[in-house]
Amino acid sequence: MRRKLAAGNWKMNGSRAALAEVEALCAAHPDSAVELLLCPPATLVAPMADARGSHPLRVGGQDCHSSESGAHTGDISAAMLKEAGASHVIVGHSERRTDHGETSETVAAKAAAAHAAGLVAVICLGETLAEREAGTTLAVVADQLGASLPEGATAANTVVAYEPVWAIGTGKVPTLEQIAEVHEYLRKELATHLPDAADGIRLLYGGSVKASNAADIFSVRDVDGALVGGASLRAEDFSPIVSALEQA
């Protein structure tokens, strides 16, 4: 059985004062049956790891460089995140692919670096609105998946998050049928690339997940959790999503 995962991506938000939200979340779910993960800005990785205390909350980075070290001003390596207390790192988020021109090959290199440092890579993929309307969604996510998976990917070191670009931060959510179609297809594609690990790799859905729609989304087969953006910034917003996943 795949353990459910509720992951939050704080993006470029948060300060030390926001760590009170971490304490509130941990207090609301002291012994959760699902895995909890928060990915704050790099400046908060270490403080958040401290703020969680003895709670098994996982802390992750939002990106890492593919190199272990070097002349890469402004970047951060997977090993640095690991040393700061991270256990996971997001790679290939659509905002990185779009804003920074990251290719799937770049994402694969970053995921490989994450694995080498002992981090779990949360590999993101998803189609744009134009690609959805053109009917090429499955082809797009299949291409991204195949090119973003590094050698050595396993169920223990890799999570895949499907985030339709047009649903991120827009309030628009695919139908449950559309989510089911993509997740079922990704599971089959994983079996092609990683036949020994496909059944164990967790598939998350991301894109305007909130308390009001979480239970319906989590009822979809092959949805093993969520990668949540804005709704993960406050415990009062994220906690109901975690609760919905606990009950799924």
C-alpha atoms as a PDB file:
ATOM      1  CA  MET A   1       0.000   0.000   0.000  1.00  0.00           C
ATOM      2  CA  ARG A   2       1.222   3.487  -0.876  1.00  0.00           C
ATOM      3  CA  ARG A   3       1.244   5.838   2.091  1.00  0.00           C
ATOM      4  CA  LYS A   4      -0.752   8.995   1.370  1.00  0.00           C
ATOM      5  CA  LEU A   5       1.211  12.254   1.155  1.00  0.00           C
ATOM      6  CA  ALA A   6      -0.042  15.765   1.881  1.00  0.00           C
ATOM      7  CA  ALA A   7       2.584  18.194   0.605  1.00  0.00           C
ATOM      8  CA  GLY A   8       2.570  21.963   0.803  1.00  0.00           C
ATOM      9  CA  ASN A   9       4.564  24.293  -1.432  1.00  0.00           C
ATOM     10  CA  TRP A  10       4.935  27.714   0.154  1.00  0.00           C
ATOM     11  CA  LYS A  11       6.582  29.126  -2.990  1.00  0.00           C
ATOM     12  CA  MET A  12       8.064  32.626  -2.382  1.00  0.00           C
ATOM     13  CA  ASN A  13       6.063  33.217   0.767  1.00  0.00           C
ATOM     14  CA  GLY A  14       6.716  33.054   4.471  1.00  0.00           C
ATOM     15  CA  SER A  15       8.962  34.433   7.188  1.00  0.00           C
ATOM     16  CA  ARG A  16      10.028  33.189  10.603  1.00  0.00           C
ATOM     17  CA  ALA A  17       6.733  34.475  11.978  1.00  0.00           C
ATOM     18  CA  ALA A  18       4.955  31.964   9.717  1.00  0.00           C
ATOM     19  CA  LEU A  19       6.546  29.077  11.608  1.00  0.00           C
ATOM     20  CA  ALA A  20       3.670  29.402  14.060  1.00  0.00           C
ATOM     21  CA  GLU A  21       1.566  27.815  11.313  1.00  0.00           C
ATOM     22  CA  VAL A  22       3.869  24.787  11.371  1.00  0.00           C
ATOM     23  CA  GLU A  23       3.412  24.394  15.104  1.00  0.00           C
ATOM     24  CA  ALA A  24      -0.370  24.675  14.687  1.00  0.00           C
ATOM     25  CA  LEU A  25      -0.406  22.075  11.920  1.00  0.00           C
ATOM     26  CA  CYS A  26       1.665  19.652  13.973  1.00  0.00           C
ATOM     27  CA  ALA A  27      -0.625  20.164  16.951  1.00  0.00           C
ATOM     28  CA  ALA A  28      -3.707  19.482  14.803  1.00  0.00           C
ATOM     29  CA  HIS A  29      -2.244  16.244  13.415  1.00  0.00           C
ATOM     30  CA  PRO A  30       0.008  14.836  16.161  1.00  0.00           C
ATOM     31  CA  ASP A  31      -0.116  11.262  14.920  1.00  0.00           C
ATOM     32  CA  SER A  32      -1.309  11.419  11.329  1.00  0.00           C
ATOM     33  CA  ALA A  33      -1.686   8.268   9.268  1.00  0.00           C
ATOM     34  CA  VAL A  34      -0.563  10.235   6.219  1.00  0.00           C
ATOM     35  CA  GLU A  35       2.857  11.693   5.537  1.00  0.00           C
ATOM     36  CA  LEU A  36       3.063  15.469   5.913  1.00  0.00           C
ATOM     37  CA  LEU A  37       5.528  17.587   3.937  1.00  0.00           C
ATOM     38  CA  LEU A  38       6.047  21.340   3.789  1.00  0.00           C
ATOM     39  CA  CYS A  39       8.401  22.983   1.299  1.00  0.00           C
ATOM     40  CA  PRO A  40       9.194  26.549   2.405  1.00  0.00           C
ATOM     41  CA  PRO A  41      11.642  29.022   0.872  1.00  0.00           C
ATOM     42  CA  ALA A  42      15.259  27.962   1.356  1.00  0.00           C
ATOM     43  CA  THR A  43      15.719  30.517   4.150  1.00  0.00           C
ATOM     44  CA  LEU A  44      13.145  28.641   6.251  1.00  0.00           C
ATOM     45  CA  VAL A  45      14.214  25.028   5.704  1.00  0.00           C
ATOM     46  CA  ALA A  46      16.420  24.839   8.793  1.00  0.00           C
ATOM     47  CA  PRO A  47      14.145  26.943  11.037  1.00  0.00           C
ATOM     48  CA  MET A  48      11.133  24.852   9.995  1.00  0.00           C
ATOM     49  CA  ALA A  49      13.002  21.626  10.694  1.00  0.00           C
ATOM     50  CA  ASP A  50      13.624  22.972  14.200  1.00  0.00           C
ATOM     51  CA  ALA A  51      10.051  24.253  14.654  1.00  0.00           C
ATOM     52  CA  ARG A  52       8.501  20.848  14.036  1.00  0.00           C
ATOM     53  CA  GLY A  53      10.125  19.485  17.180  1.00  0.00           C
ATOM     54  CA  SER A  54       9.593  15.732  17.497  1.00  0.00           C
ATOM     55  CA  HIS A  55       6.703  15.701  15.030  1.00  0.00           C
ATOM     56  CA  PRO A  56       7.394  13.531  11.942  1.00  0.00           C
ATOM     57  CA  LEU A  57       6.538  16.416   9.600  1.00  0.00           C
ATOM     58  CA  ARG A  58       8.891  16.341   6.612  1.00  0.00           C
ATOM     59  CA  VAL A  59      10.560  19.499   5.317  1.00  0.00           C
ATOM     60  CA  GLY A  60      11.583  19.970   1.700  1.00  0.00           C
ATOM     61  CA  GLY A  61      13.206  22.410  -0.675  1.00  0.00           C
ATOM     62  CA  GLN A  62      11.499  23.947  -3.691  1.00  0.00           C
ATOM     63  CA  ASP A  63      14.375  23.409  -6.105  1.00  0.00           C
ATOM     64  CA  CYS A  64      18.000  22.352  -6.248  1.00  0.00           C
ATOM     65  CA  HIS A  65      20.888  22.613  -8.676  1.00  0.00           C
ATOM     66  CA  SER A  66      22.035  19.541 -10.561  1.00  0.00           C
ATOM     67  CA  SER A  67      25.634  20.076  -9.426  1.00  0.00           C
ATOM     68  CA  GLU A  68      26.899  19.280  -5.952  1.00  0.00           C
ATOM     69  CA  SER A  69      28.794  22.574  -5.740  1.00  0.00           C
ATOM     70  CA  GLY A  70      30.392  25.193  -7.947  1.00  0.00           C
ATOM     71  CA  ALA A  71      30.135  28.684  -9.400  1.00  0.00           C
ATOM     72  CA  HIS A  72      26.334  28.895  -9.456  1.00  0.00           C
ATOM     73  CA  THR A  73      25.449  32.171  -7.797  1.00  0.00           C
ATOM     74  CA  GLY A  74      22.029  32.166  -6.189  1.00  0.00           C
ATOM     75  CA  ASP A  75      21.540  28.400  -6.469  1.00  0.00           C
ATOM     76  CA  ILE A  76      21.403  25.763  -3.768  1.00  0.00           C
ATOM     77  CA  SER A  77      22.543  22.159  -3.937  1.00  0.00           C
ATOM     78  CA  ALA A  78      20.632  19.094  -2.824  1.00  0.00           C
ATOM     79  CA  ALA A  79      23.364  18.359  -0.275  1.00  0.00           C
ATOM     80  CA  MET A  80      22.913  21.821   1.239  1.00  0.00           C
ATOM     81  CA  LEU A  81      19.175  21.219   1.611  1.00  0.00           C
ATOM     82  CA  LYS A  82      19.875  17.857   3.201  1.00  0.00           C
ATOM     83  CA  GLU A  83      22.259  19.430   5.692  1.00  0.00           C
ATOM     84  CA  ALA A  84      19.644  22.080   6.534  1.00  0.00           C
ATOM     85  CA  GLY A  85      17.156  19.379   7.520  1.00  0.00           C
ATOM     86  CA  ALA A  86      15.302  18.658   4.295  1.00  0.00           C
ATOM     87  CA  SER A  87      14.211  15.182   3.282  1.00  0.00           C
ATOM     88  CA  HIS A  88      12.518  16.103  -0.015  1.00  0.00           C
ATOM     89  CA  VAL A  89      12.898  18.594  -2.842  1.00  0.00           C
ATOM     90  CA  ILE A  90      10.481  19.699  -5.546  1.00  0.00           C
ATOM     91  CA  VAL A  91      11.912  19.634  -9.070  1.00  0.00           C
ATOM     92  CA  GLY A  92      10.317  20.596 -12.364  1.00  0.00           C
ATOM     93  CA  HIS A  93       7.487  22.714 -11.013  1.00  0.00           C
ATOM     94  CA  SER A  94       5.706  24.455 -13.899  1.00  0.00           C
ATOM     95  CA  GLU A  95       6.759  27.831 -12.538  1.00  0.00           C
ATOM     96  CA  ARG A  96      10.386  26.713 -12.832  1.00  0.00           C
ATOM     97  CA  ARG A  97       9.809  25.242 -16.274  1.00  0.00           C
ATOM     98  CA  THR A  98       8.094  28.439 -17.449  1.00  0.00           C
ATOM     99  CA  ASP A  99       9.916  31.204 -15.580  1.00  0.00           C
ATOM    100  CA  HIS A 100      13.393  29.669 -15.841  1.00  0.00           C
ATOM    101  CA  GLY A 101      13.106  27.669 -19.060  1.00  0.00           C
ATOM    102  CA  GLU A 102      13.822  24.345 -17.387  1.00  0.00           C
ATOM    103  CA  THR A 103      13.562  21.335 -19.667  1.00  0.00           C
ATOM    104  CA  SER A 104      12.625  17.833 -18.610  1.00  0.00           C
ATOM    105  CA  GLU A 105      16.264  16.851 -19.092  1.00  0.00           C
ATOM    106  CA  THR A 106      17.236  19.553 -16.588  1.00  0.00           C
ATOM    107  CA  VAL A 107      14.599  18.227 -14.211  1.00  0.00           C
ATOM    108  CA  ALA A 108      15.992  14.684 -14.530  1.00  0.00           C
ATOM    109  CA  ALA A 109      19.480  15.945 -13.686  1.00  0.00           C
ATOM    110  CA  LYS A 110      18.159  17.754 -10.622  1.00  0.00           C
ATOM    111  CA  ALA A 111      16.221  14.668  -9.523  1.00  0.00           C
ATOM    112  CA  ALA A 112      19.382  12.587  -9.883  1.00  0.00           C
ATOM    113  CA  ALA A 113      21.260  15.102  -7.732  1.00  0.00           C
ATOM    114  CA  ALA A 114      18.504  14.903  -5.132  1.00  0.00           C
ATOM    115  CA  HIS A 115      18.781  11.122  -5.045  1.00  0.00           C
ATOM    116  CA  ALA A 116      22.557  11.291  -4.717  1.00  0.00           C
ATOM    117  CA  ALA A 117      22.161  13.564  -1.679  1.00  0.00           C
ATOM    118  CA  GLY A 118      19.631  11.257  -0.059  1.00  0.00           C
ATOM    119  CA  LEU A 119      16.559  13.378  -0.829  1.00  0.00           C
ATOM    120  CA  VAL A 120      13.212  12.311  -2.221  1.00  0.00           C
ATOM    121  CA  ALA A 121      12.565  14.082  -5.537  1.00  0.00           C
ATOM    122  CA  VAL A 122       9.025  15.346  -6.094  1.00  0.00           C
ATOM    123  CA  ILE A 123       8.910  15.534  -9.888  1.00  0.00           C
ATOM    124  CA  CYS A 124       6.232  17.866 -11.251  1.00  0.00           C
ATOM    125  CA  LEU A 125       4.599  17.767 -14.666  1.00  0.00           C
ATOM    126  CA  GLY A 126       1.455  19.027 -16.344  1.00  0.00           C
ATOM    127  CA  GLU A 127      -0.074  20.527 -19.447  1.00  0.00           C
ATOM    128  CA  THR A 128      -0.922  24.131 -20.336  1.00  0.00           C
ATOM    129  CA  LEU A 129      -4.451  25.248 -21.161  1.00  0.00           C
ATOM    130  CA  ALA A 130      -3.556  25.346 -24.862  1.00  0.00           C
ATOM    131  CA  GLU A 131      -2.329  21.751 -24.705  1.00  0.00           C
ATOM    132  CA  ARG A 132      -5.460  20.665 -22.821  1.00  0.00           C
ATOM    133  CA  GLU A 133      -7.712  22.327 -25.405  1.00  0.00           C
ATOM    134  CA  ALA A 134      -5.688  20.795 -28.235  1.00  0.00           C
ATOM    135  CA  GLY A 135      -6.297  17.324 -26.810  1.00  0.00           C
ATOM    136  CA  THR A 136      -2.596  16.595 -26.286  1.00  0.00           C
ATOM    137  CA  THR A 137      -2.593  16.322 -22.484  1.00  0.00           C
ATOM    138  CA  LEU A 138      -1.684  12.649 -22.287  1.00  0.00           C
ATOM    139  CA  ALA A 139       1.083  12.972 -24.858  1.00  0.00           C
ATOM    140  CA  VAL A 140       2.520  15.996 -23.054  1.00  0.00           C
ATOM    141  CA  VAL A 141       2.588  14.411 -19.589  1.00  0.00           C
ATOM    142  CA  ALA A 142       3.948  11.148 -21.008  1.00  0.00           C
ATOM    143  CA  ASP A 143       6.827  13.008 -22.683  1.00  0.00           C
ATOM    144  CA  GLN A 144       7.550  15.003 -19.521  1.00  0.00           C
ATOM    145  CA  LEU A 145       7.477  11.907 -17.338  1.00  0.00           C
ATOM    146  CA  GLY A 146       9.753   9.873 -19.568  1.00  0.00           C
ATOM    147  CA  ALA A 147      12.317  12.652 -19.879  1.00  0.00           C
ATOM    148  CA  SER A 148      12.173  13.786 -16.237  1.00  0.00           C
ATOM    149  CA  LEU A 149      12.748  10.410 -14.552  1.00  0.00           C
ATOM    150  CA  PRO A 150      16.414   9.821 -13.756  1.00  0.00           C
ATOM    151  CA  GLU A 151      18.083   6.451 -13.680  1.00  0.00           C
ATOM    152  CA  GLY A 152      17.734   4.854 -10.303  1.00  0.00           C
ATOM    153  CA  ALA A 153      14.283   6.260  -9.583  1.00  0.00           C
ATOM    154  CA  THR A 154      12.397   4.100  -7.098  1.00  0.00           C
ATOM    155  CA  ALA A 155       9.255   4.254  -4.996  1.00  0.00           C
ATOM    156  CA  ALA A 156      11.431   5.227  -2.027  1.00  0.00           C
ATOM    157  CA  ASN A 157      13.180   8.199  -3.643  1.00  0.00           C
ATOM    158  CA  THR A 158      10.628   9.526  -6.134  1.00  0.00           C
ATOM    159  CA  VAL A 159       7.165  11.094  -6.043  1.00  0.00           C
ATOM    160  CA  VAL A 160       5.353  12.332  -9.164  1.00  0.00           C
ATOM    161  CA  ALA A 161       3.001  15.314  -8.975  1.00  0.00           C
ATOM    162  CA  TYR A 162       0.531  16.029 -11.770  1.00  0.00           C
ATOM    163  CA  GLU A 163      -0.238  19.737 -11.836  1.00  0.00           C
ATOM    164  CA  PRO A 164      -2.147  21.049 -14.839  1.00  0.00           C
ATOM    165  CA  VAL A 165      -0.578  24.462 -15.408  1.00  0.00           C
ATOM    166  CA  TRP A 166      -3.935  26.105 -16.076  1.00  0.00           C
ATOM    167  CA  ALA A 167      -5.242  25.032 -12.645  1.00  0.00           C
ATOM    168  CA  ILE A 168      -2.377  26.358 -10.522  1.00  0.00           C
ATOM    169  CA  GLY A 169      -3.512  29.352  -8.506  1.00  0.00           C
ATOM    170  CA  THR A 170      -6.470  30.015 -10.800  1.00  0.00           C
ATOM    171  CA  GLY A 171      -9.289  28.413  -8.863  1.00  0.00           C
ATOM    172  CA  LYS A 172      -9.973  26.214 -11.896  1.00  0.00           C
ATOM    173  CA  VAL A 173      -9.913  22.480 -11.263  1.00  0.00           C
ATOM    174  CA  PRO A 174     -10.090  19.642 -13.808  1.00  0.00           C
ATOM    175  CA  THR A 175     -13.090  17.382 -13.552  1.00  0.00           C
ATOM    176  CA  LEU A 176     -12.653  14.238 -11.502  1.00  0.00           C
ATOM    177  CA  GLU A 177     -12.814  12.297 -14.764  1.00  0.00           C
ATOM    178  CA  GLN A 178      -9.937  14.336 -16.205  1.00  0.00           C
ATOM    179  CA  ILE A 179      -7.838  13.835 -13.078  1.00  0.00           C
ATOM    180  CA  ALA A 180      -8.582  10.105 -13.120  1.00  0.00           C
ATOM    181  CA  GLU A 181      -7.664   9.820 -16.796  1.00  0.00           C
ATOM    182  CA  VAL A 182      -4.251  11.436 -16.318  1.00  0.00           C
ATOM    183  CA  HIS A 183      -3.388   9.569 -13.128  1.00  0.00           C
ATOM    184  CA  GLU A 184      -4.350   6.221 -14.623  1.00  0.00           C
ATOM    185  CA  TYR A 185      -2.274   7.025 -17.695  1.00  0.00           C
ATOM    186  CA  LEU A 186       0.727   8.071 -15.608  1.00  0.00           C
ATOM    187  CA  ARG A 187       0.541   4.820 -13.666  1.00  0.00           C
ATOM    188  CA  LYS A 188       0.676   2.890 -16.938  1.00  0.00           C
ATOM    189  CA  GLU A 189       3.564   5.020 -18.185  1.00  0.00           C
ATOM    190  CA  LEU A 190       5.454   4.406 -14.955  1.00  0.00           C
ATOM    191  CA  ALA A 191       5.047   0.688 -15.548  1.00  0.00           C
ATOM    192  CA  THR A 192       6.746   1.148 -18.901  1.00  0.00           C
ATOM    193  CA  HIS A 193       9.704   3.081 -17.513  1.00  0.00           C
ATOM    194  CA  LEU A 194      10.003   1.537 -14.042  1.00  0.00           C
ATOM    195  CA  PRO A 195       8.239  -1.838 -14.067  1.00  0.00           C
ATOM    196  CA  ASP A 196       9.574  -2.824 -10.653  1.00  0.00           C
ATOM    197  CA  ALA A 197       8.652   0.459  -8.946  1.00  0.00           C
ATOM    198  CA  ALA A 198       5.539   1.704 -10.739  1.00  0.00           C
ATOM    199  CA  ASP A 199       2.998   0.352  -8.272  1.00  0.00           C
ATOM    200  CA  GLY A 200       4.791   1.947  -5.334  1.00  0.00           C
ATOM    201  CA  ILE A 201       5.471   5.442  -6.663  1.00  0.00           C
ATOM    202  CA  ARG A 202       3.026   7.951  -5.263  1.00  0.00           C
ATOM    203  CA  LEU A 203       1.085  10.163  -7.665  1.00  0.00           C
ATOM    204  CA  LEU A 204      -0.033  13.511  -6.283  1.00  0.00           C
ATOM    205  CA  TYR A 205      -2.535  15.932  -7.753  1.00  0.00           C
ATOM    206  CA  GLY A 206      -1.863  19.670  -7.553  1.00  0.00           C
ATOM    207  CA  GLY A 207      -3.728  22.726  -8.747  1.00  0.00           C
ATOM    208  CA  SER A 208      -6.246  24.770  -6.712  1.00  0.00           C
ATOM    209  CA  VAL A 209      -6.699  22.051  -4.084  1.00  0.00           C
ATOM    210  CA  LYS A 210      -8.672  23.359  -1.113  1.00  0.00           C
ATOM    211  CA  ALA A 211     -10.811  22.118   1.748  1.00  0.00           C
ATOM    212  CA  SER A 212     -13.998  22.249  -0.308  1.00  0.00           C
ATOM    213  CA  ASN A 213     -12.769  19.937  -3.094  1.00  0.00           C
ATOM    214  CA  ALA A 214     -10.101  17.812  -1.391  1.00  0.00           C
ATOM    215  CA  ALA A 215     -12.338  14.884  -0.432  1.00  0.00           C
ATOM    216  CA  ASP A 216     -13.648  14.522  -3.984  1.00  0.00           C
ATOM    217  CA  ILE A 217     -10.152  14.670  -5.454  1.00  0.00           C
ATOM    218  CA  PHE A 218      -8.827  12.120  -2.978  1.00  0.00           C
ATOM    219  CA  SER A 219     -11.620   9.730  -3.908  1.00  0.00           C
ATOM    220  CA  VAL A 220     -10.099   9.344  -7.379  1.00  0.00           C
ATOM    221  CA  ARG A 221      -8.171   6.143  -7.918  1.00  0.00           C
ATOM    222  CA  ASP A 222      -4.403   6.568  -8.179  1.00  0.00           C
ATOM    223  CA  VAL A 223      -4.487   9.942  -6.435  1.00  0.00           C
ATOM    224  CA  ASP A 224      -2.147   9.304  -3.507  1.00  0.00           C
ATOM    225  CA  GLY A 225      -2.247  12.799  -2.099  1.00  0.00           C
ATOM    226  CA  ALA A 226      -1.791  16.408  -3.105  1.00  0.00           C
ATOM    227  CA  LEU A 227       0.805  19.083  -3.717  1.00  0.00           C
ATOM    228  CA  VAL A 228      -0.908  22.185  -2.357  1.00  0.00           C
ATOM    229  CA  GLY A 229       0.114  25.787  -2.975  1.00  0.00           C
ATOM    230  CA  GLY A 230      -1.620  28.750  -1.363  1.00  0.00           C
ATOM    231  CA  ALA A 231      -3.845  26.647   0.874  1.00  0.00           C
ATOM    232  CA  SER A 232      -0.767  25.223   2.621  1.00  0.00           C
ATOM    233  CA  LEU A 233       0.377  28.575   4.017  1.00  0.00           C
ATOM    234  CA  ARG A 234      -2.069  28.585   6.920  1.00  0.00           C
ATOM    235  CA  ALA A 235      -2.769  25.654   9.203  1.00  0.00           C
ATOM    236  CA  GLU A 236      -6.480  26.444   9.255  1.00  0.00           C
ATOM    237  CA  ASP A 237      -6.582  26.021   5.458  1.00  0.00           C
ATOM    238  CA  PHE A 238      -4.192  23.092   5.110  1.00  0.00           C
ATOM    239  CA  SER A 239      -5.437  21.050   8.066  1.00  0.00           C
ATOM    240  CA  PRO A 240      -8.867  20.256   6.509  1.00  0.00           C
ATOM    241  CA  ILE A 241      -7.075  19.017   3.385  1.00  0.00           C
ATOM    242  CA  VAL A 242      -4.884  16.760   5.523  1.00  0.00           C
ATOM    243  CA  SER A 243      -7.973  15.524   7.347  1.00  0.00           C
ATOM    244  CA  ALA A 244      -9.699  14.740   4.042  1.00  0.00           C
ATOM    245  CA  LEU A 245      -6.673  12.704   2.978  1.00  0.00           C
ATOM    246  CA  GLU A 246      -6.601  10.894   6.318  1.00  0.00           C
ATOM    247  CA  GLN A 247     -10.197   9.845   5.725  1.00  0.00           C
ATOM    248  CA  ALA A 248      -9.771   8.892   2.064  1.00  0.00           C
END
